[in-house]
Amino acid sequence: GMKGAKAILPSVMANALLRQDGRLAKAIVDAATRTVSTPVLQE
């Protein structure tokens, strides 16, 4: 899922509405916090 986030995040950030939406950025941080996984954090 984090690899998918990496692929779409530039397009999300380029979209003014989705950029301000903020759900993807929050999901990325929540996932890294929850898993405590170095590969997840690296992605």
PDB file of all heavy atoms in Angstrom:
ATOM      1  N   GLY A   1       0.825  -1.198   0.000  1.00  0.00           N
ATOM      2  CA  GLY A   1       0.000   0.000   0.000  1.00  0.00           C
ATOM      3  C   GLY A   1       0.860   1.249   0.000  1.00  0.00           C
ATOM      4  O   GLY A   1       0.542   2.250  -0.660  1.00  0.00           O
ATOM      5  N   MET A   2       1.990   1.196   0.719  1.00  0.00           N
ATOM      6  CA  MET A   2       2.903   2.336   0.756  1.00  0.00           C
ATOM      7  C   MET A   2       3.575   2.538  -0.602  1.00  0.00           C
ATOM      8  O   MET A   2       3.826   3.682  -1.025  1.00  0.00           O
ATOM      9  CB  MET A   2       3.952   2.139   1.843  1.00  0.00           C
ATOM     10  CG  MET A   2       4.647   3.422   2.255  1.00  0.00           C
ATOM     11  SD  MET A   2       3.528   4.612   3.059  1.00  0.00           S
ATOM     12  CE  MET A   2       3.422   3.945   4.721  1.00  0.00           C
ATOM     13  N   LYS A   3       3.868   1.457  -1.298  1.00  0.00           N
ATOM     14  CA  LYS A   3       4.416   1.575  -2.657  1.00  0.00           C
ATOM     15  C   LYS A   3       3.381   2.235  -3.574  1.00  0.00           C
ATOM     16  O   LYS A   3       3.723   3.046  -4.442  1.00  0.00           O
ATOM     17  CB  LYS A   3       4.800   0.195  -3.191  1.00  0.00           C
ATOM     18  CG  LYS A   3       6.014  -0.427  -2.511  1.00  0.00           C
ATOM     19  CD  LYS A   3       6.265  -1.823  -3.050  1.00  0.00           C
ATOM     20  CE  LYS A   3       7.440  -2.496  -2.364  1.00  0.00           C
ATOM     21  NZ  LYS A   3       8.740  -1.897  -2.735  1.00  0.00           N
ATOM     22  N   GLY A   4       2.113   1.872  -3.378  1.00  0.00           N
ATOM     23  CA  GLY A   4       1.054   2.515  -4.151  1.00  0.00           C
ATOM     24  C   GLY A   4       0.945   3.993  -3.812  1.00  0.00           C
ATOM     25  O   GLY A   4       0.757   4.835  -4.693  1.00  0.00           O
ATOM     26  N   ALA A   5       1.092   4.311  -2.525  1.00  0.00           N
ATOM     27  CA  ALA A   5       1.047   5.715  -2.103  1.00  0.00           C
ATOM     28  C   ALA A   5       2.178   6.505  -2.739  1.00  0.00           C
ATOM     29  O   ALA A   5       1.992   7.636  -3.190  1.00  0.00           O
ATOM     30  CB  ALA A   5       1.126   5.798  -0.584  1.00  0.00           C
ATOM     31  N   LYS A   6       3.356   5.899  -2.788  1.00  0.00           N
ATOM     32  CA  LYS A   6       4.506   6.572  -3.407  1.00  0.00           C
ATOM     33  C   LYS A   6       4.239   6.865  -4.880  1.00  0.00           C
ATOM     34  O   LYS A   6       4.624   7.919  -5.385  1.00  0.00           O
ATOM     35  CB  LYS A   6       5.757   5.701  -3.264  1.00  0.00           C
ATOM     36  CG  LYS A   6       7.004   6.290  -3.900  1.00  0.00           C
ATOM     37  CD  LYS A   6       8.248   5.480  -3.560  1.00  0.00           C
ATOM     38  CE  LYS A   6       8.239   4.119  -4.203  1.00  0.00           C
ATOM     39  NZ  LYS A   6       9.494   3.371  -3.926  1.00  0.00           N
ATOM     40  N   ALA A   7       3.550   5.953  -5.549  1.00  0.00           N
ATOM     41  CA  ALA A   7       3.266   6.122  -6.976  1.00  0.00           C
ATOM     42  C   ALA A   7       2.261   7.240  -7.239  1.00  0.00           C
ATOM     43  O   ALA A   7       2.385   7.975  -8.222  1.00  0.00           O
ATOM     44  CB  ALA A   7       2.759   4.807  -7.567  1.00  0.00           C
ATOM     45  N   ILE A   8       1.259   7.369  -6.362  1.00  0.00           N
ATOM     46  CA  ILE A   8       0.197   8.344  -6.647  1.00  0.00           C
ATOM     47  C   ILE A   8       0.391   9.683  -5.943  1.00  0.00           C
ATOM     48  O   ILE A   8      -0.238  10.676  -6.321  1.00  0.00           O
ATOM     49  CB  ILE A   8      -1.202   7.785  -6.277  1.00  0.00           C
ATOM     50  CG1 ILE A   8      -1.369   7.647  -4.759  1.00  0.00           C
ATOM     51  CG2 ILE A   8      -1.464   6.469  -6.983  1.00  0.00           C
ATOM     52  CD1 ILE A   8      -2.787   7.302  -4.342  1.00  0.00           C
ATOM     53  N   LEU A   9       1.266   9.736  -4.920  1.00  0.00           N
ATOM     54  CA  LEU A   9       1.377  10.962  -4.129  1.00  0.00           C
ATOM     55  C   LEU A   9       1.759  12.193  -4.957  1.00  0.00           C
ATOM     56  O   LEU A   9       1.192  13.272  -4.733  1.00  0.00           O
ATOM     57  CB  LEU A   9       2.360  10.769  -2.971  1.00  0.00           C
ATOM     58  CG  LEU A   9       2.346  11.859  -1.901  1.00  0.00           C
ATOM     59  CD1 LEU A   9       0.963  12.000  -1.268  1.00  0.00           C
ATOM     60  CD2 LEU A   9       3.383  11.567  -0.816  1.00  0.00           C
ATOM     61  N   PRO A  10       2.677  12.097  -5.924  1.00  0.00           N
ATOM     62  CA  PRO A  10       2.962  13.291  -6.733  1.00  0.00           C
ATOM     63  C   PRO A  10       1.720  13.825  -7.450  1.00  0.00           C
ATOM     64  O   PRO A  10       1.507  15.044  -7.510  1.00  0.00           O
ATOM     65  CB  PRO A  10       4.022  12.805  -7.722  1.00  0.00           C
ATOM     66  CG  PRO A  10       4.720  11.704  -7.002  1.00  0.00           C
ATOM     67  CD  PRO A  10       3.629  10.998  -6.249  1.00  0.00           C
ATOM     68  N   SER A  11       0.889  12.924  -7.993  1.00  0.00           N
ATOM     69  CA  SER A  11      -0.332  13.350  -8.673  1.00  0.00           C
ATOM     70  C   SER A  11      -1.338  13.918  -7.692  1.00  0.00           C
ATOM     71  O   SER A  11      -2.056  14.876  -7.992  1.00  0.00           O
ATOM     72  CB  SER A  11      -0.956  12.166  -9.434  1.00  0.00           C
ATOM     73  OG  SER A  11      -0.089  11.703 -10.448  1.00  0.00           O
ATOM     74  N   VAL A  12      -1.397  13.327  -6.497  1.00  0.00           N
ATOM     75  CA  VAL A  12      -2.296  13.838  -5.455  1.00  0.00           C
ATOM     76  C   VAL A  12      -1.871  15.239  -5.047  1.00  0.00           C
ATOM     77  O   VAL A  12      -2.698  16.154  -4.911  1.00  0.00           O
ATOM     78  CB  VAL A  12      -2.291  12.893  -4.233  1.00  0.00           C
ATOM     79  CG1 VAL A  12      -2.988  13.547  -3.032  1.00  0.00           C
ATOM     80  CG2 VAL A  12      -2.988  11.583  -4.583  1.00  0.00           C
ATOM     81  N   MET A  13      -0.568  15.455  -4.870  1.00  0.00           N
ATOM     82  CA  MET A  13      -0.071  16.768  -4.457  1.00  0.00           C
ATOM     83  C   MET A  13      -0.245  17.811  -5.564  1.00  0.00           C
ATOM     84  O   MET A  13      -0.371  19.008  -5.285  1.00  0.00           O
ATOM     85  CB  MET A  13       1.399  16.676  -4.065  1.00  0.00           C
ATOM     86  CG  MET A  13       1.631  15.950  -2.756  1.00  0.00           C
ATOM     87  SD  MET A  13       0.921  16.835  -1.351  1.00  0.00           S
ATOM     88  CE  MET A  13       1.450  15.798   0.009  1.00  0.00           C
ATOM     89  N   ALA A  14      -0.247  17.376  -6.801  1.00  0.00           N
ATOM     90  CA  ALA A  14      -0.435  18.302  -7.923  1.00  0.00           C
ATOM     91  C   ALA A  14      -1.892  18.711  -8.084  1.00  0.00           C
ATOM     92  O   ALA A  14      -2.202  19.666  -8.805  1.00  0.00           O
ATOM     93  CB  ALA A  14       0.079  17.672  -9.214  1.00  0.00           C
ATOM     94  N   ASN A  15      -2.804  17.985  -7.416  1.00  0.00           N
ATOM     95  CA  ASN A  15      -4.233  18.266  -7.467  1.00  0.00           C
ATOM     96  C   ASN A  15      -4.598  19.097  -6.233  1.00  0.00           C
ATOM     97  O   ASN A  15      -4.514  18.615  -5.101  1.00  0.00           O
ATOM     98  CB  ASN A  15      -5.010  16.943  -7.481  1.00  0.00           C
ATOM     99  CG  ASN A  15      -6.509  17.130  -7.571  1.00  0.00           C
ATOM    100  OD1 ASN A  15      -7.102  17.791  -6.732  1.00  0.00           O
ATOM    101  ND2 ASN A  15      -7.128  16.524  -8.559  1.00  0.00           N
ATOM    102  N   ALA A  16      -4.990  20.349  -6.431  1.00  0.00           N
ATOM    103  CA  ALA A  16      -5.218  21.268  -5.310  1.00  0.00           C
ATOM    104  C   ALA A  16      -6.230  20.727  -4.301  1.00  0.00           C
ATOM    105  O   ALA A  16      -6.022  20.842  -3.081  1.00  0.00           O
ATOM    106  CB  ALA A  16      -5.680  22.625  -5.837  1.00  0.00           C
ATOM    107  N   LEU A  17      -7.311  20.103  -4.786  1.00  0.00           N
ATOM    108  CA  LEU A  17      -8.334  19.595  -3.871  1.00  0.00           C
ATOM    109  C   LEU A  17      -7.819  18.426  -3.040  1.00  0.00           C
ATOM    110  O   LEU A  17      -7.994  18.381  -1.822  1.00  0.00           O
ATOM    111  CB  LEU A  17      -9.582  19.188  -4.657  1.00  0.00           C
ATOM    112  CG  LEU A  17     -10.381  20.331  -5.297  1.00  0.00           C
ATOM    113  CD1 LEU A  17     -11.546  19.778  -6.104  1.00  0.00           C
ATOM    114  CD2 LEU A  17     -10.888  21.299  -4.222  1.00  0.00           C
ATOM    115  N   LEU A  18      -7.163  17.457  -3.709  1.00  0.00           N
ATOM    116  CA  LEU A  18      -6.650  16.299  -2.985  1.00  0.00           C
ATOM    117  C   LEU A  18      -5.476  16.681  -2.082  1.00  0.00           C
ATOM    118  O   LEU A  18      -5.283  16.088  -1.022  1.00  0.00           O
ATOM    119  CB  LEU A  18      -6.227  15.208  -3.965  1.00  0.00           C
ATOM    120  CG  LEU A  18      -7.364  14.466  -4.677  1.00  0.00           C
ATOM    121  CD1 LEU A  18      -6.805  13.446  -5.658  1.00  0.00           C
ATOM    122  CD2 LEU A  18      -8.270  13.766  -3.662  1.00  0.00           C
ATOM    123  N   ARG A  19      -4.707  17.671  -2.503  1.00  0.00           N
ATOM    124  CA  ARG A  19      -3.581  18.128  -1.690  1.00  0.00           C
ATOM    125  C   ARG A  19      -4.077  18.648  -0.346  1.00  0.00           C
ATOM    126  O   ARG A  19      -3.492  18.368   0.701  1.00  0.00           O
ATOM    127  CB  ARG A  19      -2.810  19.218  -2.433  1.00  0.00           C
ATOM    128  CG  ARG A  19      -1.562  19.677  -1.705  1.00  0.00           C
ATOM    129  CD  ARG A  19      -0.695  20.549  -2.587  1.00  0.00           C
ATOM    130  NE  ARG A  19      -1.330  21.802  -2.975  1.00  0.00           N
ATOM    131  CZ  ARG A  19      -1.601  22.173  -4.211  1.00  0.00           C
ATOM    132  NH1 ARG A  19      -1.308  21.367  -5.229  1.00  0.00           N
ATOM    133  NH2 ARG A  19      -2.170  23.340  -4.472  1.00  0.00           N
ATOM    134  N   GLN A  20      -5.164  19.414  -0.378  1.00  0.00           N
ATOM    135  CA  GLN A  20      -5.721  19.945   0.855  1.00  0.00           C
ATOM    136  C   GLN A  20      -6.553  18.907   1.608  1.00  0.00           C
ATOM    137  O   GLN A  20      -6.768  19.038   2.820  1.00  0.00           O
ATOM    138  CB  GLN A  20      -6.573  21.182   0.551  1.00  0.00           C
ATOM    139  CG  GLN A  20      -5.771  22.344  -0.016  1.00  0.00           C
ATOM    140  CD  GLN A  20      -4.612  22.750   0.871  1.00  0.00           C
ATOM    141  OE1 GLN A  20      -4.752  22.814   2.088  1.00  0.00           O
ATOM    142  NE2 GLN A  20      -3.448  23.022   0.271  1.00  0.00           N
ATOM    143  N   ASP A  21      -7.016  17.883   0.910  1.00  0.00           N
ATOM    144  CA  ASP A  21      -7.801  16.812   1.521  1.00  0.00           C
ATOM    145  C   ASP A  21      -7.016  16.153   2.662  1.00  0.00           C
ATOM    146  O   ASP A  21      -7.539  15.943   3.756  1.00  0.00           O
ATOM    147  CB  ASP A  21      -8.167  15.784   0.445  1.00  0.00           C
ATOM    148  CG  ASP A  21      -8.840  14.553   0.990  1.00  0.00           C
ATOM    149  OD1 ASP A  21     -10.075  14.562   1.099  1.00  0.00           O
ATOM    150  OD2 ASP A  21      -8.134  13.567   1.305  1.00  0.00           O
ATOM    151  N   GLY A  22      -5.765  15.836   2.413  1.00  0.00           N
ATOM    152  CA  GLY A  22      -4.861  15.375   3.463  1.00  0.00           C
ATOM    153  C   GLY A  22      -5.021  13.947   3.928  1.00  0.00           C
ATOM    154  O   GLY A  22      -4.251  13.467   4.766  1.00  0.00           O
ATOM    155  N   ARG A  23      -6.006  13.208   3.405  1.00  0.00           N
ATOM    156  CA  ARG A  23      -6.232  11.849   3.908  1.00  0.00           C
ATOM    157  C   ARG A  23      -5.089  10.901   3.588  1.00  0.00           C
ATOM    158  O   ARG A  23      -4.739  10.031   4.399  1.00  0.00           O
ATOM    159  CB  ARG A  23      -7.543  11.295   3.356  1.00  0.00           C
ATOM    160  CG  ARG A  23      -8.785  11.881   4.002  1.00  0.00           C
ATOM    161  CD  ARG A  23     -10.037  11.219   3.456  1.00  0.00           C
ATOM    162  NE  ARG A  23     -10.206  11.489   2.033  1.00  0.00           N
ATOM    163  CZ  ARG A  23     -10.643  10.610   1.134  1.00  0.00           C
ATOM    164  NH1 ARG A  23     -10.928   9.369   1.508  1.00  0.00           N
ATOM    165  NH2 ARG A  23     -10.784  10.948  -0.135  1.00  0.00           N
ATOM    166  N   LEU A  24      -4.499  11.051   2.410  1.00  0.00           N
ATOM    167  CA  LEU A  24      -3.418  10.133   2.044  1.00  0.00           C
ATOM    168  C   LEU A  24      -2.193  10.364   2.927  1.00  0.00           C
ATOM    169  O   LEU A  24      -1.580   9.403   3.405  1.00  0.00           O
ATOM    170  CB  LEU A  24      -3.058  10.297   0.571  1.00  0.00           C
ATOM    171  CG  LEU A  24      -1.947   9.361   0.057  1.00  0.00           C
ATOM    172  CD1 LEU A  24      -2.320   7.900   0.285  1.00  0.00           C
ATOM    173  CD2 LEU A  24      -1.677   9.614  -1.431  1.00  0.00           C
ATOM    174  N   ALA A  25      -1.837  11.613   3.145  1.00  0.00           N
ATOM    175  CA  ALA A  25      -0.689  11.907   4.010  1.00  0.00           C
ATOM    176  C   ALA A  25      -0.917  11.358   5.415  1.00  0.00           C
ATOM    177  O   ALA A  25      -0.010  10.768   6.021  1.00  0.00           O
ATOM    178  CB  ALA A  25      -0.436  13.416   4.059  1.00  0.00           C
ATOM    179  N   LYS A  26      -2.122  11.528   5.930  1.00  0.00           N
ATOM    180  CA  LYS A  26      -2.438  11.003   7.262  1.00  0.00           C
ATOM    181  C   LYS A  26      -2.348   9.487   7.287  1.00  0.00           C
ATOM    182  O   LYS A  26      -1.827   8.892   8.239  1.00  0.00           O
ATOM    183  CB  LYS A  26      -3.830  11.456   7.692  1.00  0.00           C
ATOM    184  CG  LYS A  26      -4.214  11.001   9.106  1.00  0.00           C
ATOM    185  CD  LYS A  26      -5.595  11.496   9.496  1.00  0.00           C
ATOM    186  CE  LYS A  26      -5.914  11.140  10.946  1.00  0.00           C
ATOM    187  NZ  LYS A  26      -5.863   9.679  11.206  1.00  0.00           N
ATOM    188  N   ALA A  27      -2.850   8.843   6.221  1.00  0.00           N
ATOM    189  CA  ALA A  27      -2.810   7.381   6.152  1.00  0.00           C
ATOM    190  C   ALA A  27      -1.377   6.877   6.108  1.00  0.00           C
ATOM    191  O   ALA A  27      -1.056   5.824   6.678  1.00  0.00           O
ATOM    192  CB  ALA A  27      -3.582   6.899   4.927  1.00  0.00           C
ATOM    193  N   ILE A  28      -0.486   7.606   5.432  1.00  0.00           N
ATOM    194  CA  ILE A  28       0.923   7.227   5.356  1.00  0.00           C
ATOM    195  C   ILE A  28       1.557   7.265   6.745  1.00  0.00           C
ATOM    196  O   ILE A  28       2.242   6.313   7.160  1.00  0.00           O
ATOM    197  CB  ILE A  28       1.671   8.164   4.385  1.00  0.00           C
ATOM    198  CG1 ILE A  28       1.253   7.865   2.936  1.00  0.00           C
ATOM    199  CG2 ILE A  28       3.184   8.020   4.539  1.00  0.00           C
ATOM    200  CD1 ILE A  28       1.772   8.876   1.932  1.00  0.00           C
ATOM    201  N   VAL A  29       1.332   8.343   7.475  1.00  0.00           N
ATOM    202  CA  VAL A  29       1.903   8.470   8.823  1.00  0.00           C
ATOM    203  C   VAL A  29       1.300   7.432   9.760  1.00  0.00           C
ATOM    204  O   VAL A  29       2.016   6.789  10.547  1.00  0.00           O
ATOM    205  CB  VAL A  29       1.684   9.886   9.375  1.00  0.00           C
ATOM    206  CG1 VAL A  29       2.180   9.985  10.819  1.00  0.00           C
ATOM    207  CG2 VAL A  29       2.409  10.912   8.509  1.00  0.00           C
ATOM    208  N   ASP A  30      -0.009   7.242   9.692  1.00  0.00           N
ATOM    209  CA  ASP A  30      -0.667   6.259  10.553  1.00  0.00           C
ATOM    210  C   ASP A  30      -0.125   4.854  10.308  1.00  0.00           C
ATOM    211  O   ASP A  30       0.101   4.087  11.251  1.00  0.00           O
ATOM    212  CB  ASP A  30      -2.183   6.270  10.319  1.00  0.00           C
ATOM    213  CG  ASP A  30      -2.863   7.512  10.879  1.00  0.00           C
ATOM    214  OD1 ASP A  30      -2.204   8.256  11.632  1.00  0.00           O
ATOM    215  OD2 ASP A  30      -4.041   7.743  10.544  1.00  0.00           O
ATOM    216  N   ALA A  31       0.099   4.516   9.033  1.00  0.00           N
ATOM    217  CA  ALA A  31       0.603   3.182   8.688  1.00  0.00           C
ATOM    218  C   ALA A  31       2.021   2.987   9.218  1.00  0.00           C
ATOM    219  O   ALA A  31       2.349   1.928   9.773  1.00  0.00           O
ATOM    220  CB  ALA A  31       0.571   2.982   7.182  1.00  0.00           C
ATOM    221  N   ALA A  32       2.863   3.995   9.055  1.00  0.00           N
ATOM    222  CA  ALA A  32       4.238   3.902   9.551  1.00  0.00           C
ATOM    223  C   ALA A  32       4.262   3.807  11.075  1.00  0.00           C
ATOM    224  O   ALA A  32       5.087   3.091  11.658  1.00  0.00           O
ATOM    225  CB  ALA A  32       5.048   5.102   9.075  1.00  0.00           C
ATOM    226  N   THR A  33       3.349   4.508  11.723  1.00  0.00           N
ATOM    227  CA  THR A  33       3.269   4.475  13.188  1.00  0.00           C
ATOM    228  C   THR A  33       2.802   3.114  13.674  1.00  0.00           C
ATOM    229  O   THR A  33       3.371   2.544  14.624  1.00  0.00           O
ATOM    230  CB  THR A  33       2.289   5.550  13.691  1.00  0.00           C
ATOM    231  OG1 THR A  33       2.695   6.827  13.207  1.00  0.00           O
ATOM    232  CG2 THR A  33       2.245   5.583  15.212  1.00  0.00           C
ATOM    233  N   ARG A  34       1.787   2.590  13.031  1.00  0.00           N
ATOM    234  CA  ARG A  34       1.163   1.350  13.481  1.00  0.00           C
ATOM    235  C   ARG A  34       2.052   0.126  13.266  1.00  0.00           C
ATOM    236  O   ARG A  34       2.144  -0.755  14.124  1.00  0.00           O
ATOM    237  CB  ARG A  34      -0.175   1.169  12.750  1.00  0.00           C
ATOM    238  CG  ARG A  34      -1.045   0.033  13.270  1.00  0.00           C
ATOM    239  CD  ARG A  34      -2.359  -0.034  12.509  1.00  0.00           C
ATOM    240  NE  ARG A  34      -2.154  -0.423  11.115  1.00  0.00           N
ATOM    241  CZ  ARG A  34      -2.203   0.408  10.092  1.00  0.00           C
ATOM    242  NH1 ARG A  34      -2.451   1.694  10.297  1.00  0.00           N
ATOM    243  NH2 ARG A  34      -2.011  -0.028   8.856  1.00  0.00           N
ATOM    244  N   THR A  35       2.714   0.045  12.127  1.00  0.00           N
ATOM    245  CA  THR A  35       3.485  -1.153  11.795  1.00  0.00           C
ATOM    246  C   THR A  35       4.858  -1.189  12.464  1.00  0.00           C
ATOM    247  O   THR A  35       5.404  -2.261  12.690  1.00  0.00           O
ATOM    248  CB  THR A  35       3.699  -1.259  10.278  1.00  0.00           C
ATOM    249  OG1 THR A  35       4.430  -0.119   9.816  1.00  0.00           O
ATOM    250  CG2 THR A  35       2.368  -1.347   9.543  1.00  0.00           C
ATOM    251  N   VAL A  36       5.420  -0.025  12.764  1.00  0.00           N
ATOM    252  CA  VAL A  36       6.784   0.071  13.299  1.00  0.00           C
ATOM    253  C   VAL A  36       7.715  -0.798  12.447  1.00  0.00           C
ATOM    254  O   VAL A  36       8.527  -1.563  12.967  1.00  0.00           O
ATOM    255  CB  VAL A  36       6.851  -0.347  14.782  1.00  0.00           C
ATOM    256  CG1 VAL A  36       8.159   0.148  15.411  1.00  0.00           C
ATOM    257  CG2 VAL A  36       5.678   0.187  15.564  1.00  0.00           C
ATOM    258  N   SER A  37       7.582  -0.682  11.146  1.00  0.00           N
ATOM    259  CA  SER A  37       8.352  -1.481  10.193  1.00  0.00           C
ATOM    260  C   SER A  37       9.309  -0.569   9.439  1.00  0.00           C
ATOM    261  O   SER A  37       8.898   0.422   8.830  1.00  0.00           O
ATOM    262  CB  SER A  37       7.396  -2.169   9.209  1.00  0.00           C
ATOM    263  OG  SER A  37       8.067  -2.600   8.059  1.00  0.00           O
ATOM    264  N   THR A  38      10.592  -0.902   9.453  1.00  0.00           N
ATOM    265  CA  THR A  38      11.572  -0.079   8.750  1.00  0.00           C
ATOM    266  C   THR A  38      11.330  -0.067   7.241  1.00  0.00           C
ATOM    267  O   THR A  38      11.396   1.002   6.619  1.00  0.00           O
ATOM    268  CB  THR A  38      12.999  -0.539   9.073  1.00  0.00           C
ATOM    269  OG1 THR A  38      13.229  -0.361  10.475  1.00  0.00           O
ATOM    270  CG2 THR A  38      14.026   0.275   8.311  1.00  0.00           C
ATOM    271  N   PRO A  39      11.052  -1.215   6.573  1.00  0.00           N
ATOM    272  CA  PRO A  39      10.753  -1.152   5.142  1.00  0.00           C
ATOM    273  C   PRO A  39       9.548  -0.261   4.824  1.00  0.00           C
ATOM    274  O   PRO A  39       9.553   0.454   3.821  1.00  0.00           O
ATOM    275  CB  PRO A  39      10.485  -2.619   4.768  1.00  0.00           C
ATOM    276  CG  PRO A  39      11.292  -3.391   5.734  1.00  0.00           C
ATOM    277  CD  PRO A  39      11.185  -2.622   7.019  1.00  0.00           C
ATOM    278  N   VAL A  40       8.521  -0.299   5.672  1.00  0.00           N
ATOM    279  CA  VAL A  40       7.359   0.571   5.461  1.00  0.00           C
ATOM    280  C   VAL A  40       7.769   2.032   5.599  1.00  0.00           C
ATOM    281  O   VAL A  40       7.388   2.880   4.781  1.00  0.00           O
ATOM    282  CB  VAL A  40       6.230   0.225   6.456  1.00  0.00           C
ATOM    283  CG1 VAL A  40       5.135   1.299   6.432  1.00  0.00           C
ATOM    284  CG2 VAL A  40       5.621  -1.135   6.123  1.00  0.00           C
ATOM    285  N   LEU A  41       8.572   2.343   6.615  1.00  0.00           N
ATOM    286  CA  LEU A  41       9.017   3.717   6.820  1.00  0.00           C
ATOM    287  C   LEU A  41       9.898   4.180   5.658  1.00  0.00           C
ATOM    288  O   LEU A  41       9.802   5.322   5.212  1.00  0.00           O
ATOM    289  CB  LEU A  41       9.781   3.843   8.129  1.00  0.00           C
ATOM    290  CG  LEU A  41      10.272   5.261   8.432  1.00  0.00           C
ATOM    291  CD1 LEU A  41       9.105   6.161   8.821  1.00  0.00           C
ATOM    292  CD2 LEU A  41      11.330   5.265   9.523  1.00  0.00           C
ATOM    293  N   GLN A  42      10.759   3.291   5.168  1.00  0.00           N
ATOM    294  CA  GLN A  42      11.623   3.656   4.043  1.00  0.00           C
ATOM    295  C   GLN A  42      10.793   4.026   2.816  1.00  0.00           C
ATOM    296  O   GLN A  42      11.093   5.000   2.122  1.00  0.00           O
ATOM    297  CB  GLN A  42      12.576   2.505   3.727  1.00  0.00           C
ATOM    298  CG  GLN A  42      13.661   2.314   4.783  1.00  0.00           C
ATOM    299  CD  GLN A  42      14.445   1.029   4.612  1.00  0.00           C
ATOM    300  OE1 GLN A  42      13.955   0.048   4.060  1.00  0.00           O
ATOM    301  NE2 GLN A  42      15.677   1.012   5.097  1.00  0.00           N
ATOM    302  N   GLU A  43       9.753   3.249   2.555  1.00  0.00           N
ATOM    303  CA  GLU A  43       8.865   3.568   1.437  1.00  0.00           C
ATOM    304  C   GLU A  43       8.134   4.882   1.694  1.00  0.00           C
ATOM    305  O   GLU A  43       7.917   5.677   0.769  1.00  0.00           O
ATOM    306  CB  GLU A  43       7.851   2.437   1.225  1.00  0.00           C
ATOM    307  CG  GLU A  43       8.425   1.144   0.689  1.00  0.00           C
ATOM    308  CD  GLU A  43       8.881   1.249  -0.757  1.00  0.00           C
ATOM    309  OE1 GLU A  43       8.473   2.193  -1.473  1.00  0.00           O
ATOM    310  OE2 GLU A  43       9.658   0.379  -1.187  1.00  0.00           O
TER     311      GLU A  43
END
